[in-house]
Amino acid sequence: MPVVLMDCTGHRVDWTSLGGIGLRARELAAEISRVADVTVFSPGSRPEKLGAGVRLVTRETEWADELRRSDLVYSFDSPSPERLSALADSGRPVIVENAPPLEHALYPSLVRNANREDAYRRTVEAYRTQLATGTFFTCRSAVERATLVANLCVTGRVTVEAMQPSGTLDALISTIPIGFSESAATLARRELGRAVQGETFRVAWSGGLWTYLDPVLALDAARIARSRGVPLELEFLYGSENADNAAVMSELLAAVEKWGCGDFVTLRRAPLGQAEYFRVLAGTSALMCIGRRGVENDTCVRLRARDSRLFGLPTVLDRHGPTFDELTRDGLAHGADDPEEGADALEAIHRNRGNRAPLDSYSYRRTAHELCTWIEKGSWGR
């Protein structure tokens, strides 16, 4: 079988330090391992078993050896310029999954940098290198496919010949919606079967605490819903502090104190372990993730849509972005453009609580089939 090297750059894949991209890479690795030997390269991750047919390499110094033994490489968001350069020199075929680095220009750590424009330009240049050197591309949604095609066009990657077979560019791009592995679906079903609906209405904020999100609006909506008699408890997941969310967390904590919400609000500072993740989400009745207006939310679907789809969870979110459009098609979205509307949505979900199950159409066993077929056929070697 071919050897696929998945370069996760700075994204960790060990469970307690996992972000959305690391989790997606980890689960796609499990699916690709059915047709290839997979090495996940994730410097900084703790050693951990990722499943049969998947090796995890955590030492930066092993990059050259792993690149040499690979047949093709899968490259993700925020690529290392040094490893990208080595990859280009190697001539290895490259699968690329990335989107225009728009959110990066909002990171407080970058904004405070005296050389912020140069630093951001280097991030954009790495993305441009991926576009120029990629052999095959994967994307996570229709809107991301559209921006990818536009960028490939101006980079010179869309040609008359490439457009001829069908006009779809399917030989160059595969859309793999944000979803989950078969093993995750099995675990979710097991925990959902064990979960007991109590008096308390448990709501979780999912998606982290970033500058392009508005957790205070969600807090206000929960406060109003409680004033109407909804027995709601709100937990903010993925709340560990870092340089790029400190201001958002400070604003949220100040609002909790100002409105006296400490009796029903929890901010989870420590990461969720794997077993705890499934238990907590199975015991949750609704998710909230409110985005602010901006081009980041206009051009991407949030990776934590996985939580909604894996557990069949109704989700309260902003209407001004494709995340709402996608979850509306899934029957999971409840729009909230202001706190009152958010409270209305929470009331409606509380009244209509029912059985939940994974949305199997988002299993990577189904949606990554084209990619796995492309790898298995060895088309990349031609």
Protein backbone atom coordinates (compact mmCIF):
# COMPACT_ATOMS: atom_id res chain seq x y z
CA MET A 1 0.00 0.00 0.00
CA PRO A 2 1.13 3.60 -0.52
CA VAL A 3 2.51 5.55 2.43
CA VAL A 4 0.65 8.79 3.20
CA LEU A 5 2.36 11.37 5.42
CA MET A 6 -0.15 13.76 7.05
CA ASP A 7 1.63 16.97 8.09
CA CYS A 8 -0.47 18.53 10.86
CA THR A 9 2.01 21.42 11.28
CA GLY A 10 1.22 23.10 14.64
CA HIS A 11 -2.07 21.26 15.19
CA ARG A 12 -1.86 18.64 17.91
CA VAL A 13 -3.71 15.35 17.60
CA ASP A 14 -3.44 13.95 21.14
CA TRP A 15 -6.94 14.06 22.56
CA THR A 16 -6.48 16.46 25.51
CA SER A 17 -4.86 19.12 23.29
CA LEU A 18 -7.09 18.63 20.30
CA GLY A 19 -8.49 21.42 18.14
CA GLY A 20 -10.86 21.12 15.19
CA ILE A 21 -8.16 20.67 12.55
CA GLY A 22 -6.25 18.11 14.61
CA LEU A 23 -9.43 16.12 15.17
CA ARG A 24 -10.31 16.21 11.48
CA ALA A 25 -6.80 15.08 10.51
CA ARG A 26 -6.93 12.31 13.10
CA GLU A 27 -10.26 10.97 11.86
CA LEU A 28 -9.41 11.28 8.18
CA ALA A 29 -6.21 9.36 8.93
CA ALA A 30 -8.31 6.52 10.32
CA GLU A 31 -10.34 6.38 7.11
CA ILE A 32 -7.35 6.70 4.75
CA SER A 33 -5.62 3.87 6.64
CA ARG A 34 -8.07 1.49 4.95
CA VAL A 35 -6.24 2.07 1.63
CA ALA A 36 -2.79 3.28 2.73
CA ASP A 37 -0.23 3.20 5.52
CA VAL A 38 -0.64 6.54 7.28
CA THR A 39 1.90 8.54 9.29
CA VAL A 40 0.54 11.52 11.22
CA PHE A 41 3.33 14.07 11.74
CA SER A 42 2.41 16.29 14.68
CA PRO A 43 5.35 17.78 16.60
CA GLY A 44 4.41 18.57 20.18
CA SER A 45 1.62 16.01 20.45
CA ARG A 46 1.84 13.51 23.27
CA PRO A 47 2.45 9.93 22.11
CA GLU A 48 -0.91 8.22 21.66
CA LYS A 49 -2.35 5.31 19.69
CA LEU A 50 -4.39 6.59 16.75
CA GLY A 51 -5.66 3.25 15.50
CA ALA A 52 -4.61 0.37 13.27
CA GLY A 53 -2.57 1.42 10.25
CA VAL A 54 -1.79 4.90 11.65
CA ARG A 55 1.59 5.93 13.12
CA LEU A 56 2.01 9.12 15.13
CA VAL A 57 5.37 10.93 14.88
CA THR A 58 5.92 13.75 17.37
CA ARG A 59 9.58 14.68 16.92
CA GLU A 60 10.34 17.55 14.55
CA THR A 61 13.76 16.07 13.78
CA GLU A 62 12.14 13.06 12.08
CA TRP A 63 10.52 15.12 9.32
CA ALA A 64 13.19 14.50 6.66
CA ASP A 65 13.12 10.74 7.20
CA GLU A 66 9.33 10.58 7.14
CA LEU A 67 9.17 12.69 4.00
CA ARG A 68 11.71 10.40 2.32
CA ARG A 69 9.73 7.22 3.06
CA SER A 70 6.36 8.66 2.02
CA ASP A 71 4.64 8.34 -1.35
CA LEU A 72 2.42 11.38 -0.94
CA VAL A 73 1.77 14.06 1.67
CA TYR A 74 -1.42 15.58 3.11
CA SER A 75 -0.91 19.25 4.11
CA PHE A 76 -3.26 21.26 6.34
CA ASP A 77 -3.92 24.75 7.70
CA SER A 78 -1.00 26.99 8.83
CA PRO A 79 1.74 25.00 7.09
CA SER A 80 5.34 25.37 8.17
CA PRO A 81 7.23 27.33 5.48
CA GLU A 82 10.35 25.23 6.08
CA ARG A 83 8.51 21.92 5.68
CA LEU A 84 6.61 23.27 2.67
CA SER A 85 9.90 24.15 1.03
CA ALA A 86 11.30 20.67 1.72
CA LEU A 87 8.10 19.16 0.38
CA ALA A 88 8.29 21.17 -2.85
CA ASP A 89 11.92 20.13 -3.32
CA SER A 90 11.05 16.47 -2.78
CA GLY A 91 8.64 16.34 -5.72
CA ARG A 92 6.14 14.32 -3.64
CA PRO A 93 2.49 14.59 -4.71
CA VAL A 94 0.57 16.73 -2.20
CA ILE A 95 -3.03 16.67 -1.00
CA VAL A 96 -3.95 20.09 0.40
CA GLU A 97 -6.75 21.05 2.76
CA ASN A 98 -6.72 24.72 3.66
CA ALA A 99 -8.77 27.89 3.24
CA PRO A 100 -7.71 31.53 2.81
CA PRO A 101 -6.04 32.53 6.11
CA LEU A 102 -8.53 35.27 7.02
CA GLU A 103 -9.04 34.58 10.72
CA HIS A 104 -5.28 34.85 11.23
CA ALA A 105 -5.48 38.61 10.59
CA LEU A 106 -7.79 38.85 13.64
CA TYR A 107 -5.51 37.06 16.09
CA PRO A 108 -4.59 39.52 18.89
CA SER A 109 -1.10 38.02 19.06
CA LEU A 110 -0.57 39.02 15.42
CA VAL A 111 -2.29 42.40 15.68
CA ARG A 112 0.03 43.37 18.57
CA ASN A 113 3.10 42.40 16.55
CA ALA A 114 5.07 45.42 15.34
CA ASN A 115 5.79 43.50 12.13
CA ARG A 116 2.23 42.24 11.78
CA GLU A 117 1.88 42.90 8.05
CA ASP A 118 5.08 41.00 7.28
CA ALA A 119 4.02 38.15 9.58
CA TYR A 120 0.60 37.95 7.96
CA ARG A 121 2.13 38.13 4.48
CA ARG A 122 4.22 35.06 5.31
CA THR A 123 1.04 33.19 6.30
CA VAL A 124 -0.60 34.14 3.02
CA GLU A 125 2.51 33.17 1.09
CA ALA A 126 2.47 29.70 2.66
CA TYR A 127 -1.13 29.31 1.53
CA ARG A 128 -0.19 30.46 -1.97
CA THR A 129 2.59 27.86 -2.03
CA GLN A 130 0.07 25.16 -1.14
CA LEU A 131 -2.14 26.28 -4.03
CA ALA A 132 0.79 26.21 -6.43
CA THR A 133 2.21 22.84 -5.38
CA GLY A 134 -0.91 20.83 -4.50
CA THR A 135 -1.70 17.77 -6.62
CA PHE A 136 -5.19 17.26 -5.21
CA PHE A 137 -7.34 19.42 -2.91
CA THR A 138 -9.96 18.68 -0.28
CA CYS A 139 -12.36 21.18 1.23
CA ARG A 140 -15.00 21.13 3.93
CA SER A 141 -18.04 22.88 2.46
CA ALA A 142 -19.58 24.38 -0.66
CA VAL A 143 -18.46 27.90 0.25
CA GLU A 144 -14.90 26.71 0.86
CA ARG A 145 -14.93 24.90 -2.46
CA ALA A 146 -15.99 28.17 -4.14
CA THR A 147 -13.18 30.20 -2.57
CA LEU A 148 -10.70 27.41 -3.33
CA VAL A 149 -11.68 27.31 -7.01
CA ALA A 150 -11.38 31.10 -7.27
CA ASN A 151 -7.92 31.03 -5.71
CA LEU A 152 -6.79 28.13 -7.88
CA CYS A 153 -7.97 30.06 -10.93
CA VAL A 154 -5.93 33.18 -10.17
CA THR A 155 -2.95 30.97 -9.26
CA GLY A 156 -3.07 29.42 -12.73
CA ARG A 157 -4.14 25.95 -11.59
CA VAL A 158 -7.48 25.97 -13.45
CA THR A 159 -6.84 25.22 -17.13
CA VAL A 160 -8.97 24.63 -20.21
CA GLU A 161 -7.91 20.99 -20.20
CA ALA A 162 -8.79 20.53 -16.52
CA MET A 163 -12.29 21.94 -17.14
CA GLN A 164 -13.12 19.65 -20.06
CA PRO A 165 -14.20 16.34 -18.46
CA SER A 166 -17.28 17.77 -16.71
CA GLY A 167 -16.67 21.35 -15.65
CA THR A 168 -16.70 20.23 -11.99
CA LEU A 169 -12.93 19.92 -11.39
CA ASP A 170 -13.67 16.67 -9.52
CA ALA A 171 -10.33 15.30 -10.72
CA LEU A 172 -8.67 18.11 -8.74
CA ILE A 173 -10.97 18.75 -5.76
CA SER A 174 -13.05 16.60 -3.40
CA THR A 175 -15.51 18.11 -0.92
CA ILE A 176 -15.49 16.23 2.38
CA PRO A 177 -17.98 17.94 4.71
CA ILE A 178 -17.14 18.35 8.37
CA GLY A 179 -18.09 15.02 9.86
CA PHE A 180 -16.79 12.14 11.93
CA SER A 181 -15.30 8.67 11.87
CA GLU A 182 -17.19 5.39 12.09
CA SER A 183 -15.70 4.73 15.53
CA ALA A 184 -16.86 8.15 16.79
CA ALA A 185 -20.41 7.41 15.62
CA THR A 186 -20.33 4.09 17.47
CA LEU A 187 -19.19 5.77 20.70
CA ALA A 188 -21.76 8.57 20.32
CA ARG A 189 -24.61 6.09 19.90
CA ARG A 190 -23.49 4.19 22.97
CA GLU A 191 -23.37 7.32 25.14
CA LEU A 192 -26.64 8.69 23.77
CA GLY A 193 -28.25 5.36 24.71
CA ARG A 194 -26.99 5.79 28.28
CA ALA A 195 -27.89 9.47 28.67
CA VAL A 196 -30.86 10.28 30.90
CA GLN A 197 -32.93 13.43 30.30
CA GLY A 198 -33.26 15.11 33.69
CA GLU A 199 -34.99 18.28 34.79
CA THR A 200 -31.97 20.40 33.94
CA PHE A 201 -31.70 21.65 30.35
CA ARG A 202 -27.99 21.42 29.54
CA VAL A 203 -26.63 23.78 26.90
CA ALA A 204 -23.00 23.90 25.75
CA TRP A 205 -21.08 26.64 23.95
CA SER A 206 -19.08 24.84 21.29
CA GLY A 207 -16.36 26.20 19.07
CA GLY A 208 -13.88 27.87 21.38
CA LEU A 209 -13.67 31.51 22.46
CA TRP A 210 -12.26 33.44 19.51
CA THR A 211 -12.45 37.05 18.39
CA TYR A 212 -14.84 36.24 15.52
CA LEU A 213 -17.35 34.68 17.96
CA ASP A 214 -19.73 36.38 20.42
CA PRO A 215 -20.11 34.29 23.60
CA VAL A 216 -21.58 37.24 25.55
CA LEU A 217 -24.63 37.23 23.24
CA ALA A 218 -25.09 33.54 24.04
CA LEU A 219 -24.77 34.24 27.77
CA ASP A 220 -27.39 36.98 27.54
CA ALA A 221 -29.76 34.67 25.64
CA ALA A 222 -29.34 31.99 28.32
CA ARG A 223 -29.99 34.54 31.07
CA ILE A 224 -33.21 35.67 29.38
CA ALA A 225 -34.35 32.09 28.83
CA ARG A 226 -33.88 31.35 32.53
CA SER A 227 -35.92 34.42 33.43
CA ARG A 228 -38.73 32.85 31.40
CA GLY A 229 -38.58 29.65 33.43
CA VAL A 230 -36.28 27.46 31.34
CA PRO A 231 -34.16 25.38 33.82
CA LEU A 232 -31.00 26.00 31.85
CA GLU A 233 -27.37 25.39 32.69
CA LEU A 234 -24.72 26.73 30.29
CA GLU A 235 -21.23 25.31 29.95
CA PHE A 236 -18.52 26.90 27.81
CA LEU A 237 -16.41 24.08 26.40
CA TYR A 238 -12.83 24.42 25.12
CA GLY A 239 -12.18 27.40 27.44
CA SER A 240 -8.46 27.09 28.09
CA GLU A 241 -6.84 30.52 27.91
CA ASN A 242 -4.21 31.58 25.38
CA ALA A 243 -2.88 34.80 23.90
CA ASP A 244 -5.58 34.94 21.23
CA ASN A 245 -8.67 34.46 23.40
CA ALA A 246 -7.71 36.23 26.64
CA ALA A 247 -9.69 39.39 25.79
CA VAL A 248 -12.78 37.42 24.79
CA MET A 249 -12.62 35.36 27.99
CA SER A 250 -12.17 38.49 30.08
CA GLU A 251 -15.24 40.06 28.47
CA LEU A 252 -17.25 36.90 29.07
CA LEU A 253 -16.23 36.56 32.72
CA ALA A 254 -17.02 40.22 33.33
CA ALA A 255 -20.51 39.70 31.88
CA VAL A 256 -21.05 36.60 34.07
CA GLU A 257 -20.22 38.68 37.14
CA LYS A 258 -22.20 41.74 36.02
CA TRP A 259 -25.39 39.77 35.41
CA GLY A 260 -24.94 37.40 38.35
CA CYS A 261 -24.90 34.25 36.19
CA GLY A 262 -22.34 32.29 38.17
CA ASP A 263 -24.95 29.90 39.56
CA PHE A 264 -25.77 28.43 36.15
CA VAL A 265 -22.66 29.09 34.01
CA THR A 266 -19.48 26.99 33.90
CA LEU A 267 -16.33 27.79 31.96
CA ARG A 268 -14.42 24.58 31.36
CA ARG A 269 -10.74 25.49 31.55
CA ALA A 270 -9.32 21.97 31.33
CA PRO A 271 -9.60 20.04 28.07
CA LEU A 272 -12.14 17.24 27.77
CA GLY A 273 -10.73 13.73 27.77
CA GLN A 274 -12.08 11.43 25.09
CA ALA A 275 -14.49 9.48 27.30
CA GLU A 276 -15.59 12.70 29.00
CA TYR A 277 -16.20 14.39 25.64
CA PHE A 278 -18.68 11.72 24.59
CA ARG A 279 -20.37 11.69 27.99
CA VAL A 280 -20.73 15.48 28.19
CA LEU A 281 -22.02 15.92 24.63
CA ALA A 282 -24.44 13.00 24.97
CA GLY A 283 -25.86 14.65 28.10
CA THR A 284 -26.20 18.03 26.36
CA SER A 285 -29.54 19.07 24.87
CA ALA A 286 -28.44 22.03 22.74
CA LEU A 287 -25.35 23.79 21.47
CA MET A 288 -24.70 27.50 21.01
CA CYS A 289 -22.04 29.12 18.84
CA ILE A 290 -22.74 32.72 17.84
CA GLY A 291 -20.45 34.31 15.27
CA ARG A 292 -19.82 38.00 14.67
CA ARG A 293 -20.24 39.51 11.22
CA GLY A 294 -17.08 39.32 9.15
CA VAL A 295 -15.39 37.67 6.19
CA GLU A 296 -14.11 34.79 8.33
CA ASN A 297 -17.67 33.69 9.10
CA ASP A 298 -18.73 34.46 5.52
CA THR A 299 -16.24 32.05 3.99
CA CYS A 300 -16.04 29.01 6.25
CA VAL A 301 -18.09 26.44 8.10
CA ARG A 302 -16.96 26.09 11.70
CA LEU A 303 -15.22 22.83 12.44
CA ARG A 304 -17.29 22.30 15.57
CA ALA A 305 -20.30 21.63 13.35
CA ARG A 306 -18.97 18.13 13.98
CA ASP A 307 -20.46 18.23 17.49
CA SER A 308 -23.88 19.12 16.06
CA ARG A 309 -23.78 16.36 13.45
CA LEU A 310 -22.21 13.64 15.58
CA PHE A 311 -24.76 13.97 18.38
CA GLY A 312 -27.73 15.26 16.37
CA LEU A 313 -27.73 18.40 18.53
CA PRO A 314 -29.95 21.41 17.80
CA THR A 315 -27.63 24.42 17.57
CA VAL A 316 -28.33 28.10 18.23
CA LEU A 317 -26.15 30.27 16.00
CA ASP A 318 -25.95 33.43 13.91
CA ARG A 319 -27.65 33.55 10.52
CA HIS A 320 -24.92 35.49 8.72
CA GLY A 321 -22.74 32.66 7.51
CA PRO A 322 -22.64 29.27 5.79
CA THR A 323 -22.51 27.41 9.13
CA PHE A 324 -26.16 28.40 9.60
CA ASP A 325 -27.02 27.43 6.02
CA GLU A 326 -25.48 23.97 6.36
CA LEU A 327 -26.98 23.17 9.76
CA THR A 328 -30.36 24.43 8.52
CA ARG A 329 -30.24 21.81 5.77
CA ASP A 330 -29.42 19.28 8.48
CA GLY A 331 -32.50 20.35 10.45
CA LEU A 332 -30.33 21.42 13.40
CA ALA A 333 -30.05 25.23 13.13
CA HIS A 334 -31.93 27.76 15.23
CA GLY A 335 -31.12 31.35 14.23
CA ALA A 336 -30.29 34.04 16.78
CA ASP A 337 -29.38 37.54 15.66
CA ASP A 338 -29.89 39.02 19.14
CA PRO A 339 -30.26 37.75 22.74
CA GLU A 340 -34.08 37.77 22.71
CA GLU A 341 -34.14 35.62 19.60
CA GLY A 342 -31.53 33.35 21.16
CA ALA A 343 -33.76 32.93 24.20
CA ASP A 344 -36.71 32.13 21.91
CA ALA A 345 -34.62 29.41 20.25
CA LEU A 346 -33.58 27.91 23.59
CA GLU A 347 -37.20 27.84 24.75
CA ALA A 348 -38.29 26.10 21.55
CA ILE A 349 -35.54 23.47 21.84
CA HIS A 350 -36.43 22.86 25.49
CA ARG A 351 -40.10 22.33 24.62
CA ASN A 352 -39.33 19.93 21.78
CA ARG A 353 -36.54 17.78 23.17
CA GLY A 354 -36.48 14.34 21.58
CA ASN A 355 -34.23 11.43 20.71
CA ARG A 356 -30.93 12.22 19.02
CA ALA A 357 -28.56 10.23 16.84
CA PRO A 358 -25.52 10.82 14.61
CA LEU A 359 -26.24 12.12 11.11
CA ASP A 360 -24.70 9.18 9.27
CA SER A 361 -24.52 11.02 5.95
CA TYR A 362 -21.51 12.88 7.44
CA SER A 363 -19.52 9.75 8.24
CA TYR A 364 -16.09 9.93 6.61
CA ARG A 365 -16.64 6.33 5.50
CA ARG A 366 -19.09 7.86 2.98
CA THR A 367 -17.77 11.34 2.33
CA ALA A 368 -14.04 10.54 2.03
CA HIS A 369 -14.72 7.72 -0.43
CA GLU A 370 -13.60 9.76 -3.49
CA LEU A 371 -10.34 10.73 -1.82
CA CYS A 372 -9.61 7.16 -0.76
CA THR A 373 -10.39 5.92 -4.27
CA TRP A 374 -8.01 8.53 -5.73
CA ILE A 375 -5.25 7.36 -3.36
CA GLU A 376 -5.92 3.68 -3.92
CA LYS A 377 -5.90 3.95 -7.72
CA GLY A 378 -2.49 5.62 -7.63
CA SER A 379 -3.60 8.39 -10.00
CA TRP A 380 -1.27 10.72 -8.12
CA GLY A 381 1.73 8.75 -9.38
CA ARG A 382 1.06 9.50 -13.04
